[in-house]
């Protein structure tokens, strides 16, 4: 039997405890979750707050575009969502230590000034 672990999962709604990604969370096969909404999955919450799960919260439209762009071979795209927040400035908690302190914080995102003339 092949053991699968340390998965990175992308899902807009990992909120069901005993179905889909909820089953992988129960067996601790997911290491990192990129999601737009965490829902009410008790195991997801427990693993995140205890430092067992890395989480990147992404607005739903941005998440959909990341998936679409990746499938189309587009390495990057611009969105102003998150500008001026911890997402852009860095420091949003990605992973906690078991004592509740931040183990991994997000890094500052590049935000160049773009000039154009009409």
PDB file of N, CA and C in Angstrom:
ATOM      1  N   UNK A   1       0.835  -1.182   0.000  1.00  0.00           N
ATOM      2  CA  UNK A   1       0.000   0.000   0.000  1.00  0.00           C
ATOM      3  C   UNK A   1       0.880   1.246   0.000  1.00  0.00           C
ATOM      4  N   UNK A   2       0.537   2.211  -0.823  1.00  0.00           N
ATOM      5  CA  UNK A   2       1.287   3.449  -0.939  1.00  0.00           C
ATOM      6  C   UNK A   2       0.726   4.456   0.059  1.00  0.00           C
ATOM      7  N   UNK A   3       1.617   5.080   0.810  1.00  0.00           N
ATOM      8  CA  UNK A   3       1.212   6.094   1.774  1.00  0.00           C
ATOM      9  C   UNK A   3       1.382   7.477   1.145  1.00  0.00           C
ATOM     10  N   UNK A   4       0.347   8.263   1.182  1.00  0.00           N
ATOM     11  CA  UNK A   4       0.379   9.614   0.634  1.00  0.00           C
ATOM     12  C   UNK A   4       0.265  10.593   1.794  1.00  0.00           C
ATOM     13  N   UNK A   5       1.222  11.520   1.872  1.00  0.00           N
ATOM     14  CA  UNK A   5       1.224  12.494   2.963  1.00  0.00           C
ATOM     15  C   UNK A   5       1.825  13.802   2.470  1.00  0.00           C
ATOM     16  N   UNK A   6       1.791  14.805   3.311  1.00  0.00           N
ATOM     17  CA  UNK A   6       2.359  16.127   3.033  1.00  0.00           C
ATOM     18  C   UNK A   6       1.760  16.760   1.779  1.00  0.00           C
ATOM     19  N   UNK A   7       0.466  16.582   1.587  1.00  0.00           N
ATOM     20  CA  UNK A   7      -0.207  17.144   0.423  1.00  0.00           C
ATOM     21  C   UNK A   7      -0.455  18.639   0.604  1.00  0.00           C
ATOM     22  N   UNK A   8      -0.424  19.369  -0.497  1.00  0.00           N
ATOM     23  CA  UNK A   8      -0.907  20.745  -0.545  1.00  0.00           C
ATOM     24  C   UNK A   8      -2.241  20.684  -1.263  1.00  0.00           C
ATOM     25  N   UNK A   9      -3.292  21.162  -0.621  1.00  0.00           N
ATOM     26  CA  UNK A   9      -4.632  21.083  -1.196  1.00  0.00           C
ATOM     27  C   UNK A   9      -5.177  22.476  -1.465  1.00  0.00           C
ATOM     28  N   UNK A  10      -5.851  22.611  -2.599  1.00  0.00           N
ATOM     29  CA  UNK A  10      -6.488  23.862  -2.990  1.00  0.00           C
ATOM     30  C   UNK A  10      -7.984  23.592  -3.086  1.00  0.00           C
ATOM     31  N   UNK A  11      -8.764  24.310  -2.288  1.00  0.00           N
ATOM     32  CA  UNK A  11     -10.208  24.092  -2.278  1.00  0.00           C
ATOM     33  C   UNK A  11     -10.889  25.356  -1.784  1.00  0.00           C
ATOM     34  N   UNK A  12     -12.020  25.687  -2.378  1.00  0.00           N
ATOM     35  CA  UNK A  12     -12.723  26.892  -1.934  1.00  0.00           C
ATOM     36  C   UNK A  12     -13.474  26.681  -0.636  1.00  0.00           C
ATOM     37  N   UNK A  13     -13.777  25.429  -0.277  1.00  0.00           N
ATOM     38  CA  UNK A  13     -14.664  25.187   0.848  1.00  0.00           C
ATOM     39  C   UNK A  13     -14.379  23.840   1.523  1.00  0.00           C
ATOM     40  N   UNK A  14     -13.283  23.724   2.289  1.00  0.00           N
ATOM     41  CA  UNK A  14     -12.977  22.436   2.943  1.00  0.00           C
ATOM     42  C   UNK A  14     -13.722  22.283   4.265  1.00  0.00           C
ATOM     43  N   UNK A  15     -15.048  22.417   4.224  1.00  0.00           N
ATOM     44  CA  UNK A  15     -15.779  22.510   5.485  1.00  0.00           C
ATOM     45  C   UNK A  15     -16.534  21.246   5.883  1.00  0.00           C
ATOM     46  N   UNK A  16     -16.401  20.162   5.150  1.00  0.00           N
ATOM     47  CA  UNK A  16     -17.141  18.948   5.484  1.00  0.00           C
ATOM     48  C   UNK A  16     -16.219  17.985   6.226  1.00  0.00           C
ATOM     49  N   UNK A  17     -16.622  17.593   7.430  1.00  0.00           N
ATOM     50  CA  UNK A  17     -15.774  16.746   8.270  1.00  0.00           C
ATOM     51  C   UNK A  17     -15.544  15.345   7.711  1.00  0.00           C
ATOM     52  N   UNK A  18     -16.560  14.684   7.243  1.00  0.00           N
ATOM     53  CA  UNK A  18     -16.452  13.269   6.883  1.00  0.00           C
ATOM     54  C   UNK A  18     -16.628  13.002   5.397  1.00  0.00           C
ATOM     55  N   UNK A  19     -16.151  13.925   4.565  1.00  0.00           N
ATOM     56  CA  UNK A  19     -16.293  13.776   3.124  1.00  0.00           C
ATOM     57  C   UNK A  19     -15.167  14.536   2.441  1.00  0.00           C
ATOM     58  N   UNK A  20     -14.723  14.072   1.290  1.00  0.00           N
ATOM     59  CA  UNK A  20     -13.728  14.777   0.494  1.00  0.00           C
ATOM     60  C   UNK A  20     -12.445  15.053   1.257  1.00  0.00           C
ATOM     61  N   UNK A  21     -12.041  16.318   1.267  1.00  0.00           N
ATOM     62  CA  UNK A  21     -10.804  16.689   1.955  1.00  0.00           C
ATOM     63  C   UNK A  21     -10.885  16.469   3.453  1.00  0.00           C
ATOM     64  N   UNK A  22     -12.089  16.458   3.996  1.00  0.00           N
ATOM     65  CA  UNK A  22     -12.261  16.177   5.423  1.00  0.00           C
ATOM     66  C   UNK A  22     -11.685  14.826   5.805  1.00  0.00           C
ATOM     67  N   UNK A  23     -11.809  13.847   4.908  1.00  0.00           N
ATOM     68  CA  UNK A  23     -11.246  12.516   5.167  1.00  0.00           C
ATOM     69  C   UNK A  23      -9.717  12.563   5.177  1.00  0.00           C
ATOM     70  N   UNK A  24      -9.136  13.349   4.256  1.00  0.00           N
ATOM     71  CA  UNK A  24      -7.674  13.485   4.223  1.00  0.00           C
ATOM     72  C   UNK A  24      -7.166  14.257   5.435  1.00  0.00           C
ATOM     73  N   UNK A  25      -7.943  15.207   5.909  1.00  0.00           N
ATOM     74  CA  UNK A  25      -7.570  15.933   7.126  1.00  0.00           C
ATOM     75  C   UNK A  25      -7.583  15.004   8.336  1.00  0.00           C
ATOM     76  N   UNK A  26      -8.578  14.138   8.419  1.00  0.00           N
ATOM     77  CA  UNK A  26      -8.673  13.216   9.551  1.00  0.00           C
ATOM     78  C   UNK A  26      -7.463  12.295   9.633  1.00  0.00           C
ATOM     79  N   UNK A  27      -6.923  11.903   8.482  1.00  0.00           N
ATOM     80  CA  UNK A  27      -5.757  11.012   8.461  1.00  0.00           C
ATOM     81  C   UNK A  27      -4.447  11.790   8.392  1.00  0.00           C
ATOM     82  N   UNK A  28      -4.535  13.114   8.516  1.00  0.00           N
ATOM     83  CA  UNK A  28      -3.367  14.009   8.549  1.00  0.00           C
ATOM     84  C   UNK A  28      -2.485  13.868   7.315  1.00  0.00           C
ATOM     85  N   UNK A  29      -3.115  13.739   6.154  1.00  0.00           N
ATOM     86  CA  UNK A  29      -2.381  13.630   4.901  1.00  0.00           C
ATOM     87  C   UNK A  29      -2.149  14.996   4.258  1.00  0.00           C
ATOM     88  N   UNK A  30      -2.857  16.019   4.716  1.00  0.00           N
ATOM     89  CA  UNK A  30      -2.707  17.361   4.159  1.00  0.00           C
ATOM     90  C   UNK A  30      -1.781  18.166   5.055  1.00  0.00           C
ATOM     91  N   UNK A  31      -0.738  18.739   4.435  1.00  0.00           N
ATOM     92  CA  UNK A  31       0.220  19.571   5.170  1.00  0.00           C
ATOM     93  C   UNK A  31      -0.125  21.053   5.023  1.00  0.00           C
ATOM     94  N   UNK A  32      -0.616  21.433   3.826  1.00  0.00           N
ATOM     95  CA  UNK A  32      -0.868  22.842   3.522  1.00  0.00           C
ATOM     96  C   UNK A  32      -2.190  22.968   2.792  1.00  0.00           C
ATOM     97  N   UNK A  33      -3.006  23.923   3.222  1.00  0.00           N
ATOM     98  CA  UNK A  33      -4.313  24.146   2.606  1.00  0.00           C
ATOM     99  C   UNK A  33      -4.393  25.579   2.107  1.00  0.00           C
ATOM    100  N   UNK A  34      -4.763  25.744   0.839  1.00  0.00           N
ATOM    101  CA  UNK A  34      -5.029  27.060   0.267  1.00  0.00           C
ATOM    102  C   UNK A  34      -6.530  27.104   0.021  1.00  0.00           C
ATOM    103  N   UNK A  35      -7.202  28.045   0.665  1.00  0.00           N
ATOM    104  CA  UNK A  35      -8.658  28.054   0.633  1.00  0.00           C
ATOM    105  C   UNK A  35      -9.193  29.473   0.756  1.00  0.00           C
ATOM    106  N   UNK A  36     -10.432  29.656   0.295  1.00  0.00           N
ATOM    107  CA  UNK A  36     -11.070  30.962   0.438  1.00  0.00           C
ATOM    108  C   UNK A  36     -11.982  31.016   1.659  1.00  0.00           C
ATOM    109  N   UNK A  37     -12.337  29.859   2.194  1.00  0.00           N
ATOM    110  CA  UNK A  37     -13.241  29.809   3.343  1.00  0.00           C
ATOM    111  C   UNK A  37     -12.966  28.513   4.084  1.00  0.00           C
ATOM    112  N   UNK A  38     -12.822  28.578   5.379  1.00  0.00           N
ATOM    113  CA  UNK A  38     -12.500  27.360   6.125  1.00  0.00           C
ATOM    114  C   UNK A  38     -13.737  26.651   6.636  1.00  0.00           C
ATOM    115  N   UNK A  39     -14.870  27.309   6.646  1.00  0.00           N
ATOM    116  CA  UNK A  39     -16.103  26.646   7.047  1.00  0.00           C
ATOM    117  C   UNK A  39     -16.127  26.260   8.506  1.00  0.00           C
ATOM    118  N   UNK A  40     -16.777  25.166   8.778  1.00  0.00           N
ATOM    119  CA  UNK A  40     -16.971  24.726  10.154  1.00  0.00           C
ATOM    120  C   UNK A  40     -16.414  23.331  10.367  1.00  0.00           C
ATOM    121  N   UNK A  41     -15.297  23.026   9.740  1.00  0.00           N
ATOM    122  CA  UNK A  41     -14.660  21.724   9.878  1.00  0.00           C
ATOM    123  C   UNK A  41     -13.843  21.729  11.167  1.00  0.00           C
ATOM    124  N   UNK A  42     -14.285  20.986  12.149  1.00  0.00           N
ATOM    125  CA  UNK A  42     -13.639  20.981  13.468  1.00  0.00           C
ATOM    126  C   UNK A  42     -12.203  20.478  13.398  1.00  0.00           C
ATOM    127  N   UNK A  43     -11.938  19.470  12.583  1.00  0.00           N
ATOM    128  CA  UNK A  43     -10.586  18.925  12.472  1.00  0.00           C
ATOM    129  C   UNK A  43      -9.650  19.925  11.796  1.00  0.00           C
ATOM    130  N   UNK A  44     -10.139  20.616  10.782  1.00  0.00           N
ATOM    131  CA  UNK A  44      -9.371  21.664  10.113  1.00  0.00           C
ATOM    132  C   UNK A  44      -8.956  22.722  11.132  1.00  0.00           C
ATOM    133  N   UNK A  45      -9.916  23.201  11.899  1.00  0.00           N
ATOM    134  CA  UNK A  45      -9.656  24.224  12.914  1.00  0.00           C
ATOM    135  C   UNK A  45      -8.651  23.731  13.951  1.00  0.00           C
ATOM    136  N   UNK A  46      -8.828  22.510  14.428  1.00  0.00           N
ATOM    137  CA  UNK A  46      -7.941  21.958  15.445  1.00  0.00           C
ATOM    138  C   UNK A  46      -6.507  21.858  14.927  1.00  0.00           C
ATOM    139  N   UNK A  47      -6.333  21.325  13.705  1.00  0.00           N
ATOM    140  CA  UNK A  47      -4.991  21.169  13.151  1.00  0.00           C
ATOM    141  C   UNK A  47      -4.328  22.517  12.896  1.00  0.00           C
ATOM    142  N   UNK A  48      -5.086  23.488  12.399  1.00  0.00           N
ATOM    143  CA  UNK A  48      -4.525  24.813  12.136  1.00  0.00           C
ATOM    144  C   UNK A  48      -4.078  25.490  13.428  1.00  0.00           C
ATOM    145  N   UNK A  49      -4.940  25.505  14.425  1.00  0.00           N
ATOM    146  CA  UNK A  49      -4.615  26.191  15.674  1.00  0.00           C
ATOM    147  C   UNK A  49      -3.556  25.466  16.495  1.00  0.00           C
ATOM    148  N   UNK A  50      -3.362  24.172  16.271  1.00  0.00           N
ATOM    149  CA  UNK A  50      -2.329  23.429  16.999  1.00  0.00           C
ATOM    150  C   UNK A  50      -1.001  23.404  16.253  1.00  0.00           C
ATOM    151  N   UNK A  51      -0.947  24.000  15.060  1.00  0.00           N
ATOM    152  CA  UNK A  51       0.303  24.065  14.316  1.00  0.00           C
ATOM    153  C   UNK A  51       0.570  22.864  13.436  1.00  0.00           C
ATOM    154  N   UNK A  52      -0.410  22.009  13.225  1.00  0.00           N
ATOM    155  CA  UNK A  52      -0.225  20.827  12.388  1.00  0.00           C
ATOM    156  C   UNK A  52      -0.512  21.101  10.915  1.00  0.00           C
ATOM    157  N   UNK A  53      -1.176  22.202  10.603  1.00  0.00           N
ATOM    158  CA  UNK A  53      -1.628  22.487   9.249  1.00  0.00           C
ATOM    159  C   UNK A  53      -1.284  23.925   8.878  1.00  0.00           C
ATOM    160  N   UNK A  54      -0.658  24.102   7.712  1.00  0.00           N
ATOM    161  CA  UNK A  54      -0.393  25.432   7.181  1.00  0.00           C
ATOM    162  C   UNK A  54      -1.609  25.860   6.371  1.00  0.00           C
ATOM    163  N   UNK A  55      -2.019  27.125   6.510  1.00  0.00           N
ATOM    164  CA  UNK A  55      -3.207  27.618   5.816  1.00  0.00           C
ATOM    165  C   UNK A  55      -2.884  28.940   5.132  1.00  0.00           C
ATOM    166  N   UNK A  56      -3.269  29.048   3.871  1.00  0.00           N
ATOM    167  CA  UNK A  56      -3.182  30.314   3.149  1.00  0.00           C
ATOM    168  C   UNK A  56      -4.599  30.688   2.731  1.00  0.00           C
ATOM    169  N   UNK A  57      -5.142  31.722   3.350  1.00  0.00           N
ATOM    170  CA  UNK A  57      -6.475  32.187   2.989  1.00  0.00           C
ATOM    171  C   UNK A  57      -6.373  33.108   1.781  1.00  0.00           C
ATOM    172  N   UNK A  58      -7.174  32.832   0.771  1.00  0.00           N
ATOM    173  CA  UNK A  58      -7.142  33.552  -0.488  1.00  0.00           C
ATOM    174  C   UNK A  58      -8.573  33.889  -0.896  1.00  0.00           C
ATOM    175  N   UNK A  59      -8.848  35.121  -1.317  1.00  0.00           N
ATOM    176  CA  UNK A  59     -10.201  35.433  -1.773  1.00  0.00           C
ATOM    177  C   UNK A  59     -10.646  34.458  -2.870  1.00  0.00           C
ATOM    178  N   UNK A  60     -11.934  34.143  -2.892  1.00  0.00           N
ATOM    179  CA  UNK A  60     -12.429  33.104  -3.792  1.00  0.00           C
ATOM    180  C   UNK A  60     -12.146  33.402  -5.261  1.00  0.00           C
ATOM    181  N   UNK A  61     -12.337  34.639  -5.696  1.00  0.00           N
ATOM    182  CA  UNK A  61     -12.055  34.983  -7.088  1.00  0.00           C
ATOM    183  C   UNK A  61     -10.583  34.839  -7.427  1.00  0.00           C
ATOM    184  N   UNK A  62      -9.719  35.223  -6.494  1.00  0.00           N
ATOM    185  CA  UNK A  62      -8.277  35.086  -6.698  1.00  0.00           C
ATOM    186  C   UNK A  62      -7.884  33.618  -6.732  1.00  0.00           C
ATOM    187  N   UNK A  63      -8.470  32.814  -5.868  1.00  0.00           N
ATOM    188  CA  UNK A  63      -8.193  31.375  -5.863  1.00  0.00           C
ATOM    189  C   UNK A  63      -8.595  30.746  -7.196  1.00  0.00           C
ATOM    190  N   UNK A  64      -9.780  31.093  -7.690  1.00  0.00           N
ATOM    191  CA  UNK A  64     -10.234  30.566  -8.979  1.00  0.00           C
ATOM    192  C   UNK A  64      -9.290  30.984 -10.100  1.00  0.00           C
ATOM    193  N   UNK A  65      -8.840  32.235 -10.083  1.00  0.00           N
ATOM    194  CA  UNK A  65      -7.927  32.709 -11.123  1.00  0.00           C
ATOM    195  C   UNK A  65      -6.559  32.049 -11.005  1.00  0.00           C
ATOM    196  N   UNK A  66      -6.083  31.794  -9.797  1.00  0.00           N
ATOM    197  CA  UNK A  66      -4.801  31.091  -9.622  1.00  0.00           C
ATOM    198  C   UNK A  66      -4.863  29.702 -10.242  1.00  0.00           C
ATOM    199  N   UNK A  67      -5.975  29.016  -9.998  1.00  0.00           N
ATOM    200  CA  UNK A  67      -6.132  27.670 -10.550  1.00  0.00           C
ATOM    201  C   UNK A  67      -6.239  27.730 -12.072  1.00  0.00           C
ATOM    202  N   UNK A  68      -7.047  28.663 -12.595  1.00  0.00           N
ATOM    203  CA  UNK A  68      -7.198  28.806 -14.042  1.00  0.00           C
ATOM    204  C   UNK A  68      -5.883  29.184 -14.707  1.00  0.00           C
ATOM    205  N   UNK A  69      -5.189  30.175 -14.136  1.00  0.00           N
ATOM    206  CA  UNK A  69      -3.924  30.629 -14.712  1.00  0.00           C
ATOM    207  C   UNK A  69      -2.883  29.514 -14.685  1.00  0.00           C
ATOM    208  N   UNK A  70      -2.818  28.789 -13.583  1.00  0.00           N
ATOM    209  CA  UNK A  70      -1.869  27.679 -13.500  1.00  0.00           C
ATOM    210  C   UNK A  70      -2.145  26.620 -14.547  1.00  0.00           C
ATOM    211  N   UNK A  71      -3.418  26.300 -14.765  1.00  0.00           N
ATOM    212  CA  UNK A  71      -3.784  25.309 -15.777  1.00  0.00           C
ATOM    213  C   UNK A  71      -3.481  25.785 -17.184  1.00  0.00           C
ATOM    214  N   UNK A  72      -3.496  27.100 -17.406  1.00  0.00           N
ATOM    215  CA  UNK A  72      -3.220  27.668 -18.722  1.00  0.00           C
ATOM    216  C   UNK A  72      -1.738  27.978 -18.918  1.00  0.00           C
ATOM    217  N   UNK A  73      -0.917  27.707 -17.906  1.00  0.00           N
ATOM    218  CA  UNK A  73       0.517  27.965 -18.019  1.00  0.00           C
ATOM    219  C   UNK A  73       0.900  29.412 -17.786  1.00  0.00           C
ATOM    220  N   UNK A  74       0.031  30.190 -17.182  1.00  0.00           N
ATOM    221  CA  UNK A  74       0.313  31.598 -16.890  1.00  0.00           C
ATOM    222  C   UNK A  74       0.940  31.663 -15.499  1.00  0.00           C
ATOM    223  N   UNK A  75       2.209  32.088 -15.396  1.00  0.00           N
ATOM    224  CA  UNK A  75       2.902  32.017 -14.109  1.00  0.00           C
ATOM    225  C   UNK A  75       2.495  33.081 -13.093  1.00  0.00           C
ATOM    226  N   UNK A  76       1.920  34.194 -13.533  1.00  0.00           N
ATOM    227  CA  UNK A  76       1.577  35.268 -12.599  1.00  0.00           C
ATOM    228  C   UNK A  76       0.483  36.137 -13.205  1.00  0.00           C
ATOM    229  N   UNK A  77      -0.249  36.818 -12.342  1.00  0.00           N
ATOM    230  CA  UNK A  77      -1.259  37.768 -12.788  1.00  0.00           C
ATOM    231  C   UNK A  77      -1.409  38.817 -11.696  1.00  0.00           C
ATOM    232  N   UNK A  78      -2.004  39.944 -12.043  1.00  0.00           N
ATOM    233  CA  UNK A  78      -2.149  41.045 -11.094  1.00  0.00           C
ATOM    234  C   UNK A  78      -3.553  41.065 -10.506  1.00  0.00           C
ATOM    235  N   UNK A  79      -3.623  41.277  -9.214  1.00  0.00           N
ATOM    236  CA  UNK A  79      -4.889  41.569  -8.543  1.00  0.00           C
ATOM    237  C   UNK A  79      -4.590  42.522  -7.393  1.00  0.00           C
ATOM    238  N   UNK A  80      -5.461  43.490  -7.188  1.00  0.00           N
ATOM    239  CA  UNK A  80      -5.238  44.455  -6.100  1.00  0.00           C
ATOM    240  C   UNK A  80      -5.839  43.973  -4.781  1.00  0.00           C
ATOM    241  N   UNK A  81      -6.459  42.808  -4.777  1.00  0.00           N
ATOM    242  CA  UNK A  81      -7.058  42.265  -3.558  1.00  0.00           C
ATOM    243  C   UNK A  81      -5.983  42.062  -2.498  1.00  0.00           C
ATOM    244  N   UNK A  82      -6.209  42.532  -1.317  1.00  0.00           N
ATOM    245  CA  UNK A  82      -5.254  42.362  -0.222  1.00  0.00           C
ATOM    246  C   UNK A  82      -4.273  43.510  -0.075  1.00  0.00           C
ATOM    247  N   UNK A  83      -4.290  44.471  -0.989  1.00  0.00           N
ATOM    248  CA  UNK A  83      -3.355  45.585  -0.908  1.00  0.00           C
ATOM    249  C   UNK A  83      -3.577  46.357   0.389  1.00  0.00           C
ATOM    250  N   UNK A  84      -2.495  46.627   1.102  1.00  0.00           N
ATOM    251  CA  UNK A  84      -2.564  47.385   2.344  1.00  0.00           C
ATOM    252  C   UNK A  84      -2.961  46.553   3.552  1.00  0.00           C
ATOM    253  N   UNK A  85      -3.041  45.241   3.389  1.00  0.00           N
ATOM    254  CA  UNK A  85      -3.392  44.347   4.496  1.00  0.00           C
ATOM    255  C   UNK A  85      -2.177  43.495   4.869  1.00  0.00           C
ATOM    256  N   UNK A  86      -2.325  42.623   5.862  1.00  0.00           N
ATOM    257  CA  UNK A  86      -1.234  41.713   6.229  1.00  0.00           C
ATOM    258  C   UNK A  86      -0.861  40.781   5.085  1.00  0.00           C
ATOM    259  N   UNK A  87      -1.775  40.544   4.169  1.00  0.00           N
ATOM    260  CA  UNK A  87      -1.461  39.709   3.009  1.00  0.00           C
ATOM    261  C   UNK A  87      -0.370  40.378   2.180  1.00  0.00           C
ATOM    262  N   UNK A  88      -0.487  41.670   1.941  1.00  0.00           N
ATOM    263  CA  UNK A  88       0.494  42.404   1.141  1.00  0.00           C
ATOM    264  C   UNK A  88       1.717  42.798   1.965  1.00  0.00           C
ATOM    265  N   UNK A  89       1.506  43.235   3.190  1.00  0.00           N
ATOM    266  CA  UNK A  89       2.602  43.738   4.012  1.00  0.00           C
ATOM    267  C   UNK A  89       3.390  42.636   4.705  1.00  0.00           C
ATOM    268  N   UNK A  90       2.828  41.447   4.795  1.00  0.00           N
ATOM    269  CA  UNK A  90       3.488  40.334   5.476  1.00  0.00           C
ATOM    270  C   UNK A  90       3.066  40.265   6.930  1.00  0.00           C
ATOM    271  N   UNK A  91       3.080  39.061   7.474  1.00  0.00           N
ATOM    272  CA  UNK A  91       2.761  38.878   8.879  1.00  0.00           C
ATOM    273  C   UNK A  91       1.481  38.119   9.153  1.00  0.00           C
ATOM    274  N   UNK A  92       0.719  37.778   8.102  1.00  0.00           N
ATOM    275  CA  UNK A  92      -0.503  36.989   8.315  1.00  0.00           C
ATOM    276  C   UNK A  92      -0.102  35.584   8.755  1.00  0.00           C
ATOM    277  N   UNK A  93      -0.728  35.036   9.793  1.00  0.00           N
ATOM    278  CA  UNK A  93      -0.349  33.702  10.273  1.00  0.00           C
ATOM    279  C   UNK A  93      -0.656  32.618   9.247  1.00  0.00           C
ATOM    280  N   UNK A  94       0.350  31.834   8.893  1.00  0.00           N
ATOM    281  CA  UNK A  94       0.171  30.690   8.008  1.00  0.00           C
ATOM    282  C   UNK A  94       0.144  29.411   8.828  1.00  0.00           C
ATOM    283  N   UNK A  95       0.999  29.363   9.863  1.00  0.00           N
ATOM    284  CA  UNK A  95       1.057  28.178  10.721  1.00  0.00           C
ATOM    285  C   UNK A  95       1.345  28.627  12.143  1.00  0.00           C
ATOM    286  N   UNK A  96       0.675  27.986  13.099  1.00  0.00           N
ATOM    287  CA  UNK A  96       0.869  28.274  14.515  1.00  0.00           C
ATOM    288  C   UNK A  96       1.721  27.193  15.170  1.00  0.00           C
ATOM    289  N   UNK A  97       2.429  27.555  16.236  1.00  0.00           N
ATOM    290  CA  UNK A  97       3.060  26.578  17.119  1.00  0.00           C
ATOM    291  C   UNK A  97       1.979  26.006  18.027  1.00  0.00           C
ATOM    292  N   UNK A  98       2.276  24.897  18.676  1.00  0.00           N
ATOM    293  CA  UNK A  98       1.285  24.269  19.555  1.00  0.00           C
ATOM    294  C   UNK A  98       0.927  25.160  20.744  1.00  0.00           C
ATOM    295  N   UNK A  99       1.797  26.123  21.087  1.00  0.00           N
ATOM    296  CA  UNK A  99       1.495  27.024  22.204  1.00  0.00           C
ATOM    297  C   UNK A  99       0.704  28.268  21.770  1.00  0.00           C
ATOM    298  N   UNK A 100       0.331  28.331  20.490  1.00  0.00           N
ATOM    299  CA  UNK A 100      -0.480  29.434  19.999  1.00  0.00           C
ATOM    300  C   UNK A 100       0.293  30.587  19.397  1.00  0.00           C
ATOM    301  N   UNK A 101       1.626  30.567  19.474  1.00  0.00           N
ATOM    302  CA  UNK A 101       2.417  31.615  18.837  1.00  0.00           C
ATOM    303  C   UNK A 101       2.535  31.317  17.344  1.00  0.00           C
ATOM    304  N   UNK A 102       2.871  32.328  16.571  1.00  0.00           N
ATOM    305  CA  UNK A 102       2.963  32.168  15.121  1.00  0.00           C
ATOM    306  C   UNK A 102       4.284  31.495  14.757  1.00  0.00           C
ATOM    307  N   UNK A 103       4.202  30.353  14.082  1.00  0.00           N
ATOM    308  CA  UNK A 103       5.389  29.624  13.631  1.00  0.00           C
ATOM    309  C   UNK A 103       5.843  30.126  12.267  1.00  0.00           C
ATOM    310  N   UNK A 104       4.899  30.331  11.356  1.00  0.00           N
ATOM    311  CA  UNK A 104       5.208  30.817  10.011  1.00  0.00           C
ATOM    312  C   UNK A 104       4.252  31.958   9.704  1.00  0.00           C
ATOM    313  N   UNK A 105       4.816  33.113   9.382  1.00  0.00           N
ATOM    314  CA  UNK A 105       4.016  34.270   8.970  1.00  0.00           C
ATOM    315  C   UNK A 105       4.250  34.513   7.487  1.00  0.00           C
ATOM    316  N   UNK A 106       3.255  35.077   6.829  1.00  0.00           N
ATOM    317  CA  UNK A 106       3.400  35.348   5.403  1.00  0.00           C
ATOM    318  C   UNK A 106       4.501  36.376   5.170  1.00  0.00           C
ATOM    319  N   UNK A 107       5.126  36.262   4.023  1.00  0.00           N
ATOM    320  CA  UNK A 107       6.168  37.197   3.619  1.00  0.00           C
ATOM    321  C   UNK A 107       5.521  38.392   2.919  1.00  0.00           C
ATOM    322  N   UNK A 108       6.169  39.557   2.947  1.00  0.00           N
ATOM    323  CA  UNK A 108       5.629  40.704   2.210  1.00  0.00           C
ATOM    324  C   UNK A 108       5.538  40.378   0.717  1.00  0.00           C
ATOM    325  N   UNK A 109       4.487  40.855   0.078  1.00  0.00           N
ATOM    326  CA  UNK A 109       4.298  40.640  -1.357  1.00  0.00           C
ATOM    327  C   UNK A 109       4.808  41.851  -2.114  1.00  0.00           C
ATOM    328  N   UNK A 110       5.365  41.601  -3.271  1.00  0.00           N
ATOM    329  CA  UNK A 110       5.830  42.682  -4.121  1.00  0.00           C
ATOM    330  C   UNK A 110       4.627  43.495  -4.591  1.00  0.00           C
ATOM    331  N   UNK A 111       4.743  44.799  -4.497  1.00  0.00           N
ATOM    332  CA  UNK A 111       3.654  45.668  -4.957  1.00  0.00           C
ATOM    333  C   UNK A 111       4.261  46.873  -5.670  1.00  0.00           C
ATOM    334  N   UNK A 112       4.693  46.673  -6.911  1.00  0.00           N
ATOM    335  CA  UNK A 112       5.334  47.761  -7.647  1.00  0.00           C
ATOM    336  C   UNK A 112       4.326  48.838  -8.036  1.00  0.00           C
ATOM    337  N   UNK A 113       4.834  50.021  -8.241  1.00  0.00           N
ATOM    338  CA  UNK A 113       4.006  51.111  -8.728  1.00  0.00           C
ATOM    339  C   UNK A 113       3.994  51.048 -10.243  1.00  0.00           C
ATOM    340  N   UNK A 114       2.813  51.058 -10.811  1.00  0.00           N
ATOM    341  CA  UNK A 114       2.668  50.977 -12.260  1.00  0.00           C
ATOM    342  C   UNK A 114       2.152  52.319 -12.758  1.00  0.00           C
ATOM    343  N   UNK A 115       2.857  52.877 -13.720  1.00  0.00           N
ATOM    344  CA  UNK A 115       2.453  54.146 -14.312  1.00  0.00           C
ATOM    345  C   UNK A 115       1.969  53.902 -15.730  1.00  0.00           C
ATOM    346  N   UNK A 116       0.948  54.624 -16.127  1.00  0.00           N
ATOM    347  CA  UNK A 116       0.478  54.532 -17.498  1.00  0.00           C
ATOM    348  C   UNK A 116      -0.067  55.883 -17.915  1.00  0.00           C
ATOM    349  N   UNK A 117      -0.117  56.097 -19.193  1.00  0.00           N
ATOM    350  CA  UNK A 117      -0.706  57.331 -19.708  1.00  0.00           C
ATOM    351  C   UNK A 117      -1.764  56.957 -20.731  1.00  0.00           C
ATOM    352  N   UNK A 118      -2.771  57.789 -20.809  1.00  0.00           N
ATOM    353  CA  UNK A 118      -3.860  57.462 -21.739  1.00  0.00           C
ATOM    354  C   UNK A 118      -3.864  58.376 -22.938  1.00  0.00           C
TER     355      UNK A 118
END
